[in-house]
PDB file of all heavy atoms in Angstrom:
ATOM      1  N   PHE A   1     186.722  82.952  85.205  1.00  0.00           N
ATOM      2  CA  PHE A   1     187.070  82.580  86.538  1.00  0.00           C
ATOM      3  C   PHE A   1     185.990  81.857  87.295  1.00  0.00           C
ATOM      4  O   PHE A   1     184.854  82.030  87.052  1.00  0.00           O
ATOM      5  CB  PHE A   1     187.326  83.900  87.341  1.00  0.00           C
ATOM      6  CG  PHE A   1     188.378  84.851  86.766  1.00  0.00           C
ATOM      7  CD1 PHE A   1     187.957  85.949  86.000  1.00  0.00           C
ATOM      8  CD2 PHE A   1     189.734  84.332  86.764  1.00  0.00           C
ATOM      9  CE1 PHE A   1     188.994  86.765  85.424  1.00  0.00           C
ATOM     10  CE2 PHE A   1     190.677  85.216  86.125  1.00  0.00           C
ATOM     11  CZ  PHE A   1     190.245  86.350  85.559  1.00  0.00           C
ATOM     12  N   PRO A   2     186.372  80.778  88.099  1.00  0.00           N
ATOM     13  CA  PRO A   2     185.496  80.025  88.824  1.00  0.00           C
ATOM     14  C   PRO A   2     184.610  80.904  89.793  1.00  0.00           C
ATOM     15  O   PRO A   2     185.112  81.766  90.490  1.00  0.00           O
ATOM     16  CB  PRO A   2     186.260  79.040  89.578  1.00  0.00           C
ATOM     17  CG  PRO A   2     187.607  79.164  89.286  1.00  0.00           C
ATOM     18  CD  PRO A   2     187.748  80.429  88.473  1.00  0.00           C
ATOM     19  N   ASP A   3     183.399  80.525  89.848  1.00  0.00           N
ATOM     20  CA  ASP A   3     182.300  81.322  90.656  1.00  0.00           C
ATOM     21  C   ASP A   3     182.202  82.716  90.508  1.00  0.00           C
ATOM     22  O   ASP A   3     181.935  83.471  91.444  1.00  0.00           O
ATOM     23  CB  ASP A   3     182.598  80.943  92.185  1.00  0.00           C
ATOM     24  CG  ASP A   3     182.461  79.403  92.476  1.00  0.00           C
ATOM     25  OD1 ASP A   3     181.540  78.811  91.840  1.00  0.00           O
ATOM     26  OD2 ASP A   3     183.262  78.780  93.132  1.00  0.00           O
ATOM     27  N   VAL A   4     182.478  83.205  89.323  1.00  0.00           N
ATOM     28  CA  VAL A   4     182.234  84.547  88.824  1.00  0.00           C
ATOM     29  C   VAL A   4     181.373  84.588  87.667  1.00  0.00           C
ATOM     30  O   VAL A   4     181.614  83.949  86.780  1.00  0.00           O
ATOM     31  CB  VAL A   4     183.768  85.321  88.640  1.00  0.00           C
ATOM     32  CG1 VAL A   4     183.391  86.792  88.118  1.00  0.00           C
ATOM     33  CG2 VAL A   4     184.533  85.299  89.793  1.00  0.00           C
ATOM     34  N   PHE A   5     180.299  85.555  87.835  1.00  0.00           N
ATOM     35  CA  PHE A   5     179.364  85.711  86.783  1.00  0.00           C
ATOM     36  C   PHE A   5     179.218  87.058  86.348  1.00  0.00           C
ATOM     37  O   PHE A   5     179.482  88.012  87.254  1.00  0.00           O
ATOM     38  CB  PHE A   5     178.048  84.994  87.219  1.00  0.00           C
ATOM     39  CG  PHE A   5     178.234  83.602  87.653  1.00  0.00           C
ATOM     40  CD1 PHE A   5     178.453  83.325  89.045  1.00  0.00           C
ATOM     41  CD2 PHE A   5     178.008  82.641  86.778  1.00  0.00           C
ATOM     42  CE1 PHE A   5     178.732  82.072  89.345  1.00  0.00           C
ATOM     43  CE2 PHE A   5     178.198  81.243  87.114  1.00  0.00           C
ATOM     44  CZ  PHE A   5     178.563  80.959  88.356  1.00  0.00           C
ATOM     45  N   HIS A   6     178.810  87.329  85.113  1.00  0.00           N
ATOM     46  CA  HIS A   6     178.579  88.695  84.555  1.00  0.00           C
ATOM     47  C   HIS A   6     176.980  88.845  84.536  1.00  0.00           C
ATOM     48  O   HIS A   6     176.346  87.949  84.029  1.00  0.00           O
ATOM     49  CB  HIS A   6     179.188  88.870  83.219  1.00  0.00           C
ATOM     50  CG  HIS A   6     180.656  88.673  83.302  1.00  0.00           C
ATOM     51  ND1 HIS A   6     181.480  89.627  83.826  1.00  0.00           N
ATOM     52  CD2 HIS A   6     181.428  87.687  82.771  1.00  0.00           C
ATOM     53  CE1 HIS A   6     182.716  89.134  83.798  1.00  0.00           C
ATOM     54  NE2 HIS A   6     182.753  88.023  83.060  1.00  0.00           N
ATOM     55  N   VAL A   7     176.483  89.937  84.887  1.00  0.00           N
ATOM     56  CA  VAL A   7     175.032  90.261  84.650  1.00  0.00           C
ATOM     57  C   VAL A   7     174.965  91.505  83.739  1.00  0.00           C
ATOM     58  O   VAL A   7     175.754  92.395  83.940  1.00  0.00           O
ATOM     59  CB  VAL A   7     174.333  90.560  86.064  1.00  0.00           C
ATOM     60  CG1 VAL A   7     172.948  91.044  85.737  1.00  0.00           C
ATOM     61  CG2 VAL A   7     174.429  89.473  86.995  1.00  0.00           C
ATOM     62  N   GLY A   8     174.298  91.219  82.755  1.00  0.00           N
ATOM     63  CA  GLY A   8     174.180  92.495  81.644  1.00  0.00           C
ATOM     64  C   GLY A   8     172.744  92.581  81.222  1.00  0.00           C
ATOM     65  O   GLY A   8     171.881  91.715  81.282  1.00  0.00           O
ATOM     66  N   ILE A   9     172.611  93.768  80.701  1.00  0.00           N
ATOM     67  CA  ILE A   9     171.288  94.237  80.087  1.00  0.00           C
ATOM     68  C   ILE A   9     171.578  94.440  78.569  1.00  0.00           C
ATOM     69  O   ILE A   9     172.345  95.306  78.166  1.00  0.00           O
ATOM     70  CB  ILE A   9     170.625  95.397  80.727  1.00  0.00           C
ATOM     71  CG1 ILE A   9     170.514  95.154  82.200  1.00  0.00           C
ATOM     72  CG2 ILE A   9     169.399  95.712  80.033  1.00  0.00           C
ATOM     73  CD1 ILE A   9     170.531  96.266  83.041  1.00  0.00           C
ATOM     74  N   LEU A  10     170.881  93.594  77.695  1.00  0.00           N
ATOM     75  CA  LEU A  10     171.325  93.641  76.175  1.00  0.00           C
ATOM     76  C   LEU A  10     170.204  94.078  75.410  1.00  0.00           C
ATOM     77  O   LEU A  10     169.099  93.613  75.545  1.00  0.00           O
ATOM     78  CB  LEU A  10     171.822  92.280  75.907  1.00  0.00           C
ATOM     79  CG  LEU A  10     172.812  91.688  76.739  1.00  0.00           C
ATOM     80  CD1 LEU A  10     173.207  90.275  76.344  1.00  0.00           C
ATOM     81  CD2 LEU A  10     174.159  92.490  76.761  1.00  0.00           C
ATOM     82  N   ARG A  11     170.555  94.811  74.386  1.00  0.00           N
ATOM     83  CA  ARG A  11     169.662  95.115  73.279  1.00  0.00           C
ATOM     84  C   ARG A  11     169.621  93.999  72.174  1.00  0.00           C
ATOM     85  O   ARG A  11     170.482  93.004  72.179  1.00  0.00           O
ATOM     86  CB  ARG A  11     170.018  96.455  72.657  1.00  0.00           C
ATOM     87  CG  ARG A  11     169.736  97.568  73.424  1.00  0.00           C
ATOM     88  CD  ARG A  11     169.975  98.812  72.651  1.00  0.00           C
ATOM     89  NE  ARG A  11     170.040  99.866  73.473  1.00  0.00           N
ATOM     90  CZ  ARG A  11     170.964 100.902  73.406  1.00  0.00           C
ATOM     91  NH1 ARG A  11     171.774 100.940  72.378  1.00  0.00           N
ATOM     92  NH2 ARG A  11     171.073 101.816  74.264  1.00  0.00           N
ATOM     93  N   GLU A  12     168.918  94.196  71.088  1.00  0.00           N
ATOM     94  CA  GLU A  12     168.856  93.143  70.047  1.00  0.00           C
ATOM     95  C   GLU A  12     170.152  92.841  69.439  1.00  0.00           C
ATOM     96  O   GLU A  12     170.480  91.706  69.053  1.00  0.00           O
ATOM     97  CB  GLU A  12     167.915  93.575  68.990  1.00  0.00           C
ATOM     98  CG  GLU A  12     167.652  92.532  67.902  1.00  0.00           C
ATOM     99  CD  GLU A  12     166.537  93.011  66.993  1.00  0.00           C
ATOM    100  OE1 GLU A  12     165.930  93.944  67.238  1.00  0.00           O
ATOM    101  OE2 GLU A  12     166.418  92.114  65.952  1.00  0.00           O
ATOM    102  N   ALA A  13     171.007  93.892  69.255  1.00  0.00           N
ATOM    103  CA  ALA A  13     172.310  93.697  68.554  1.00  0.00           C
ATOM    104  C   ALA A  13     173.391  92.975  69.597  1.00  0.00           C
ATOM    105  O   ALA A  13     174.515  92.829  69.169  1.00  0.00           O
ATOM    106  CB  ALA A  13     172.888  95.057  68.178  1.00  0.00           C
ATOM    107  N   GLY A  14     172.967  92.650  70.672  1.00  0.00           N
ATOM    108  CA  GLY A  14     173.882  92.085  71.738  1.00  0.00           C
ATOM    109  C   GLY A  14     174.721  93.087  72.364  1.00  0.00           C
ATOM    110  O   GLY A  14     175.633  92.656  73.248  1.00  0.00           O
ATOM    111  N   GLU A  15     174.522  94.367  72.264  1.00  0.00           N
ATOM    112  CA  GLU A  15     175.186  95.416  72.911  1.00  0.00           C
ATOM    113  C   GLU A  15     174.702  95.673  74.342  1.00  0.00           C
ATOM    114  O   GLU A  15     173.408  95.708  74.556  1.00  0.00           O
ATOM    115  CB  GLU A  15     175.256  96.687  72.188  1.00  0.00           C
ATOM    116  CG  GLU A  15     173.966  97.220  71.825  1.00  0.00           C
ATOM    117  CD  GLU A  15     173.908  98.257  70.684  1.00  0.00           C
ATOM    118  OE1 GLU A  15     174.595  98.079  69.818  1.00  0.00           O
ATOM    119  OE2 GLU A  15     173.265  99.401  70.741  1.00  0.00           O
ATOM    120  N   SER A  16     175.483  95.900  75.221  1.00  0.00           N
ATOM    121  CA  SER A  16     174.997  96.055  76.729  1.00  0.00           C
ATOM    122  C   SER A  16     174.575  97.629  76.679  1.00  0.00           C
ATOM    123  O   SER A  16     175.171  98.439  76.203  1.00  0.00           O
ATOM    124  CB  SER A  16     176.285  95.839  77.498  1.00  0.00           C
ATOM    125  OG  SER A  16     175.820  96.127  78.880  1.00  0.00           O
ATOM    126  N   VAL A  17     173.444  97.777  77.429  1.00  0.00           N
ATOM    127  CA  VAL A  17     172.858  99.077  77.690  1.00  0.00           C
ATOM    128  C   VAL A  17     173.163  99.456  79.104  1.00  0.00           C
ATOM    129  O   VAL A  17     172.825 100.647  79.397  1.00  0.00           O
ATOM    130  CB  VAL A  17     171.305  99.125  77.388  1.00  0.00           C
ATOM    131  CG1 VAL A  17     171.110  98.810  75.984  1.00  0.00           C
ATOM    132  CG2 VAL A  17     170.629  98.201  78.368  1.00  0.00           C
ATOM    133  N   ALA A  18     173.858  98.774  79.784  1.00  0.00           N
ATOM    134  CA  ALA A  18     174.188  99.197  81.235  1.00  0.00           C
ATOM    135  C   ALA A  18     175.600  98.517  81.515  1.00  0.00           C
ATOM    136  O   ALA A  18     176.021  97.447  80.753  1.00  0.00           O
ATOM    137  CB  ALA A  18     173.234  98.718  82.299  1.00  0.00           C
ATOM    138  N   SER A  19     176.295  98.903  82.457  1.00  0.00           N
ATOM    139  CA  SER A  19     177.449  98.372  82.866  1.00  0.00           C
ATOM    140  C   SER A  19     177.353  96.894  83.265  1.00  0.00           C
ATOM    141  O   SER A  19     176.366  96.586  83.697  1.00  0.00           O
ATOM    142  CB  SER A  19     178.129  99.074  84.022  1.00  0.00           C
ATOM    143  OG  SER A  19     178.350 100.487  83.732  1.00  0.00           O
ATOM    144  N   ARG A  20     178.281  96.172  83.010  1.00  0.00           N
ATOM    145  CA  ARG A  20     178.253  94.768  83.264  1.00  0.00           C
ATOM    146  C   ARG A  20     178.760  94.595  84.617  1.00  0.00           C
ATOM    147  O   ARG A  20     179.476  95.311  85.216  1.00  0.00           O
ATOM    148  CB  ARG A  20     179.070  93.852  82.309  1.00  0.00           C
ATOM    149  CG  ARG A  20     180.562  93.790  82.623  1.00  0.00           C
ATOM    150  CD  ARG A  20     181.140  92.828  81.680  1.00  0.00           C
ATOM    151  NE  ARG A  20     182.544  92.581  82.052  1.00  0.00           N
ATOM    152  CZ  ARG A  20     183.517  92.613  81.310  1.00  0.00           C
ATOM    153  NH1 ARG A  20     183.320  92.774  80.039  1.00  0.00           N
ATOM    154  NH2 ARG A  20     184.705  92.408  81.795  1.00  0.00           N
ATOM    155  N   TYR A  21     177.999  93.762  85.402  1.00  0.00           N
ATOM    156  CA  TYR A  21     178.491  93.560  86.784  1.00  0.00           C
ATOM    157  C   TYR A  21     179.153  92.183  86.997  1.00  0.00           C
ATOM    158  O   TYR A  21     178.636  91.148  86.380  1.00  0.00           O
ATOM    159  CB  TYR A  21     177.120  93.537  87.710  1.00  0.00           C
ATOM    160  CG  TYR A  21     176.235  94.722  87.489  1.00  0.00           C
ATOM    161  CD1 TYR A  21     175.289  94.854  86.337  1.00  0.00           C
ATOM    162  CD2 TYR A  21     176.471  95.932  88.224  1.00  0.00           C
ATOM    163  CE1 TYR A  21     174.698  95.953  86.109  1.00  0.00           C
ATOM    164  CE2 TYR A  21     175.690  97.039  87.980  1.00  0.00           C
ATOM    165  CZ  TYR A  21     174.878  97.072  86.936  1.00  0.00           C
ATOM    166  OH  TYR A  21     174.032  98.228  86.652  1.00  0.00           O
ATOM    167  N   GLU A  22     180.234  92.108  87.772  1.00  0.00           N
ATOM    168  CA  GLU A  22     180.869  90.865  88.004  1.00  0.00           C
ATOM    169  C   GLU A  22     180.550  90.423  89.451  1.00  0.00           C
ATOM    170  O   GLU A  22     180.737  91.228  90.363  1.00  0.00           O
ATOM    171  CB  GLU A  22     182.279  91.064  87.952  1.00  0.00           C
ATOM    172  CG  GLU A  22     182.753  91.440  86.511  1.00  0.00           C
ATOM    173  CD  GLU A  22     184.215  91.500  86.237  1.00  0.00           C
ATOM    174  OE1 GLU A  22     185.042  91.291  87.231  1.00  0.00           O
ATOM    175  OE2 GLU A  22     184.571  91.635  85.105  1.00  0.00           O
ATOM    176  N   ILE A  23     179.809  89.395  89.572  1.00  0.00           N
ATOM    177  CA  ILE A  23     179.241  88.965  90.766  1.00  0.00           C
ATOM    178  C   ILE A  23     179.764  87.529  91.138  1.00  0.00           C
ATOM    179  O   ILE A  23     179.885  86.711  90.371  1.00  0.00           O
ATOM    180  CB  ILE A  23     177.762  88.799  90.730  1.00  0.00           C
ATOM    181  CG1 ILE A  23     177.140  89.967  90.114  1.00  0.00           C
ATOM    182  CG2 ILE A  23     177.132  88.239  92.000  1.00  0.00           C
ATOM    183  CD1 ILE A  23     177.187  91.198  90.895  1.00  0.00           C
ATOM    184  N   THR A  24     180.138  87.405  92.447  1.00  0.00           N
ATOM    185  CA  THR A  24     180.651  86.042  92.810  1.00  0.00           C
ATOM    186  C   THR A  24     179.387  85.222  93.518  1.00  0.00           C
ATOM    187  O   THR A  24     178.438  85.920  93.963  1.00  0.00           O
ATOM    188  CB  THR A  24     181.680  86.169  94.027  1.00  0.00           C
ATOM    189  OG1 THR A  24     181.163  86.948  95.080  1.00  0.00           O
ATOM    190  CG2 THR A  24     183.005  86.720  93.410  1.00  0.00           C
TER     191      THR A  24
END
């Protein structure tokens, strides 16, 4: 979606260690 971004905290395997955040 335009102007929407995800923020995440990732381990080596690319898995998220915290919820992803959708930010405009």
